[in-house]
Protein backbone atom coordinates (compact mmCIF):
# COMPACT_ATOMS: atom_id res chain seq x y z
CA UNK A 1 0.00 0.00 0.00
CA UNK A 2 1.42 3.40 -0.99
CA UNK A 3 1.70 6.20 1.61
CA UNK A 4 -1.22 8.05 -0.01
CA UNK A 5 -3.42 4.93 0.02
CA UNK A 6 -2.47 4.41 3.65
CA UNK A 7 -3.54 7.97 4.55
CA UNK A 8 -6.82 7.64 2.62
CA UNK A 9 -7.61 4.33 4.27
CA UNK A 10 -7.14 5.76 7.77
CA UNK A 11 -8.71 9.23 7.62
CA UNK A 12 -11.60 8.01 9.72
CA UNK A 13 -9.25 6.65 12.41
CA UNK A 14 -9.10 8.27 15.84
CA UNK A 15 -5.92 10.02 14.83
CA UNK A 16 -3.31 10.24 12.13
CA UNK A 17 0.33 11.30 12.40
CA UNK A 18 1.98 12.28 9.13
CA UNK A 19 5.77 12.39 9.35
CA UNK A 20 8.39 13.83 6.99
CA UNK A 21 5.83 15.82 5.03
CA UNK A 22 6.52 19.14 3.31
CA UNK A 23 3.96 21.94 3.37
CA UNK A 24 3.20 23.76 0.11
CA UNK A 25 3.14 27.13 1.90
CA UNK A 26 5.36 26.40 4.89
CA UNK A 27 8.99 25.93 5.83
CA UNK A 28 11.30 24.17 3.39
CA UNK A 29 12.03 21.40 5.87
CA UNK A 30 9.84 18.43 6.64
CA UNK A 31 7.25 18.67 9.42
CA UNK A 32 5.05 16.33 11.43
CA UNK A 33 1.30 16.84 11.10
CA UNK A 34 -1.38 15.59 13.49
CA UNK A 35 -4.86 14.94 12.06
CA UNK A 36 -7.78 14.50 14.48
CA UNK A 37 -11.46 14.18 13.53
CA UNK A 38 -10.60 14.86 9.89
CA UNK A 39 -8.90 18.20 10.63
CA UNK A 40 -5.30 19.36 11.09
CA UNK A 41 -4.85 19.60 14.86
CA UNK A 42 -1.14 20.41 15.07
CA UNK A 43 1.89 20.97 12.86
CA UNK A 44 5.33 20.52 14.41
CA UNK A 45 8.30 22.11 12.71
CA UNK A 46 10.52 19.25 13.85
CA UNK A 47 12.25 18.18 10.65
CA UNK A 48 9.68 15.43 10.21
CA UNK A 49 10.94 13.49 13.20
CA UNK A 50 7.98 13.52 15.55
CA UNK A 51 9.01 14.89 18.93
CA UNK A 52 8.27 13.07 22.17
CA UNK A 53 4.99 14.90 22.82
CA UNK A 54 3.59 14.01 19.42
CA UNK A 55 4.83 10.41 19.67
CA UNK A 56 3.14 10.12 23.09
CA UNK A 57 -0.11 11.46 21.62
CA UNK A 58 0.09 9.02 18.69
CA UNK A 59 0.54 6.10 21.10
CA UNK A 60 -2.23 7.30 23.44
CA UNK A 61 -4.70 7.95 20.59
CA UNK A 62 -3.79 4.70 18.84
CA UNK A 63 -3.07 6.88 15.82
CA UNK A 64 -1.92 5.59 12.47
CA UNK A 65 1.61 6.82 11.70
CA UNK A 66 2.43 7.36 8.02
CA UNK A 67 5.80 8.43 6.61
CA UNK A 68 5.26 10.79 3.67
CA UNK A 69 8.92 11.50 2.90
CA UNK A 70 9.25 13.35 -0.37
CA UNK A 71 5.56 14.29 -0.58
CA UNK A 72 3.96 17.72 -0.19
CA UNK A 73 0.65 18.55 1.49
CA UNK A 74 -1.45 21.22 -0.23
CA UNK A 75 -4.48 22.97 1.24
CA UNK A 76 -7.85 21.90 -0.14
CA UNK A 77 -9.37 24.20 -2.74
CA UNK A 78 -12.81 25.79 -2.43
CA UNK A 79 -15.00 25.84 -5.56
CA UNK A 80 -17.58 28.60 -5.03
CA UNK A 81 -19.54 28.02 -8.27
CA UNK A 82 -20.12 24.45 -9.37
CA UNK A 83 -22.93 22.97 -11.42
CA UNK A 84 -22.39 19.57 -9.76
CA UNK A 85 -25.93 18.50 -10.60
CA UNK A 86 -25.05 19.15 -14.25
CA UNK A 87 -25.16 22.37 -16.19
CA UNK A 88 -25.91 23.87 -19.55
CA UNK A 89 -29.06 23.39 -21.53
CA UNK A 90 -29.59 26.92 -22.83
CA UNK A 91 -28.39 25.88 -26.30
CA UNK A 92 -30.71 22.87 -26.37
CA UNK A 93 -30.78 19.38 -24.94
CA UNK A 94 -27.42 18.37 -26.41
CA UNK A 95 -25.65 21.20 -24.54
CA UNK A 96 -26.42 19.72 -21.12
CA UNK A 97 -23.41 18.55 -19.10
CA UNK A 98 -23.46 15.53 -16.78
CA UNK A 99 -23.50 15.43 -12.98
CA UNK A 100 -20.13 15.61 -11.26
CA UNK A 101 -18.94 12.89 -8.90
CA UNK A 102 -16.77 13.02 -5.77
CA UNK A 103 -13.77 11.80 -7.80
CA UNK A 104 -14.09 14.85 -10.10
CA UNK A 105 -13.54 17.18 -7.14
CA UNK A 106 -10.83 15.19 -5.41
CA UNK A 107 -8.82 14.85 -8.63
CA UNK A 108 -8.73 18.66 -8.76
CA UNK A 109 -7.85 19.15 -5.08
CA UNK A 110 -11.30 20.54 -4.22
CA UNK A 111 -12.38 19.76 -0.65
CA UNK A 112 -15.23 22.29 -0.32
CA UNK A 113 -17.79 23.06 -3.03
CA UNK A 114 -20.83 25.30 -3.43
CA UNK A 115 -23.40 23.96 -5.88
CA UNK A 116 -25.44 26.43 -7.89
CA UNK A 117 -28.56 26.04 -10.03
CA UNK A 118 -28.12 26.38 -13.75
CA UNK A 119 -30.26 27.36 -16.71
CA UNK A 120 -32.22 24.11 -16.74
CA UNK A 121 -34.21 24.32 -13.51
CA UNK A 122 -37.06 22.09 -14.69
CA UNK A 123 -35.23 18.78 -14.96
CA UNK A 124 -32.57 19.83 -12.44
CA UNK A 125 -34.50 21.24 -9.52
CA UNK A 126 -33.36 22.86 -6.27
CA UNK A 127 -34.50 19.72 -4.44
CA UNK A 128 -32.23 17.68 -6.70
CA UNK A 129 -29.34 20.10 -6.10
CA UNK A 130 -29.76 19.84 -2.32
CA UNK A 131 -30.03 16.03 -2.51
CA UNK A 132 -26.83 15.89 -4.56
CA UNK A 133 -25.12 18.16 -2.00
CA UNK A 134 -26.13 15.87 0.86
CA UNK A 135 -24.90 12.85 -1.11
CA UNK A 136 -21.49 14.44 -1.73
CA UNK A 137 -21.32 15.42 1.95
CA UNK A 138 -21.99 11.80 2.97
CA UNK A 139 -18.97 10.85 0.84
CA UNK A 140 -16.80 13.33 2.76
CA UNK A 141 -16.88 16.53 0.68
CA UNK A 142 -17.69 19.83 2.43
CA UNK A 143 -20.76 20.84 0.44
CA UNK A 144 -23.12 23.83 0.30
CA UNK A 145 -25.58 25.27 -2.23
CA UNK A 146 -26.80 28.66 -3.34
CA UNK A 147 -30.49 28.79 -4.12
CA UNK A 148 -32.02 31.23 -6.62
CA UNK A 149 -30.69 31.31 -10.17
CA UNK A 150 -32.54 32.36 -13.33
CA UNK A 151 -35.95 31.54 -11.93
CA UNK A 152 -36.44 32.80 -8.38
CA UNK A 153 -39.85 31.13 -8.10
CA UNK A 154 -38.39 27.66 -8.78
CA UNK A 155 -35.06 28.51 -7.11
CA UNK A 156 -36.15 27.47 -3.63
CA UNK A 157 -37.49 24.43 -1.80
CA UNK A 158 -39.58 25.69 1.12
CA UNK A 159 -41.48 28.31 -0.88
CA UNK A 160 -39.17 31.19 0.01
CA UNK A 161 -35.49 31.97 -0.54
CA UNK A 162 -35.29 33.31 3.02
CA UNK A 163 -36.91 30.18 4.50
CA UNK A 164 -34.47 27.95 2.60
CA UNK A 165 -31.57 29.91 4.07
CA UNK A 166 -32.85 29.60 7.64
CA UNK A 167 -34.24 26.06 7.52
CA UNK A 168 -31.73 24.16 5.36
CA UNK A 169 -28.19 24.08 6.78
CA UNK A 170 -26.73 23.27 3.38
CA UNK A 171 -27.98 26.58 1.87
CA UNK A 172 -25.18 29.15 2.12
CA UNK A 173 -26.69 32.00 0.11
CA UNK A 174 -28.47 33.03 -3.07
CA UNK A 175 -27.25 32.98 -6.67
CA UNK A 176 -28.65 35.83 -8.75
CA UNK A 177 -27.86 35.67 -12.48
CA UNK A 178 -27.56 39.34 -13.46
CA UNK A 179 -24.97 39.46 -16.21
CA UNK A 180 -26.01 36.49 -18.31
CA UNK A 181 -27.96 36.69 -21.58
CA UNK A 182 -31.05 35.03 -20.13
CA UNK A 183 -31.05 36.95 -16.84
CA UNK A 184 -34.26 38.76 -16.02
CA UNK A 185 -34.48 42.30 -14.75
CA UNK A 186 -34.91 42.28 -10.99
CA UNK A 187 -36.84 44.87 -9.09
CA UNK A 188 -36.01 46.06 -5.58
CA UNK A 189 -38.79 43.81 -4.25
CA UNK A 190 -37.20 40.74 -5.88
């Protein structure tokens, strides 16, 4: 098993100690990194040789220890505008793009994504967008959605954009399509 496969296989463990890893934006020397509950808990600038405190924690937490010598850790990217339910459709049925899968995001280094409605809101509804978001979240991706879009009447689930925002934890805001060819003119009341 490669070091990367070993890390992936143990991310749900009680703890993970990564040794001899380089940080993309950190010091040029190797560090030790402690992962707890899926988040970076501590980074030790110790040349990649875990100090006694970190080794004691790893033993106590029954943590998996993985040597990543020669590898670099990069921060996860945030995609703030993704049509992960599929996009397109304004040029006809053949212009529709397919749904995205977890592997599409991970291959690009994306660890957090915000799904947005697209032009085709009849066959790809807000309910479908939210369901897809929850599915991606169950697979481990940090996932949110913006409601709204081209059609504000169909761009919500509960009957109101404001209610969606307050009642659905996955809703992070509202997408308003102002500069696109099919955007409608919005009034102050909208």
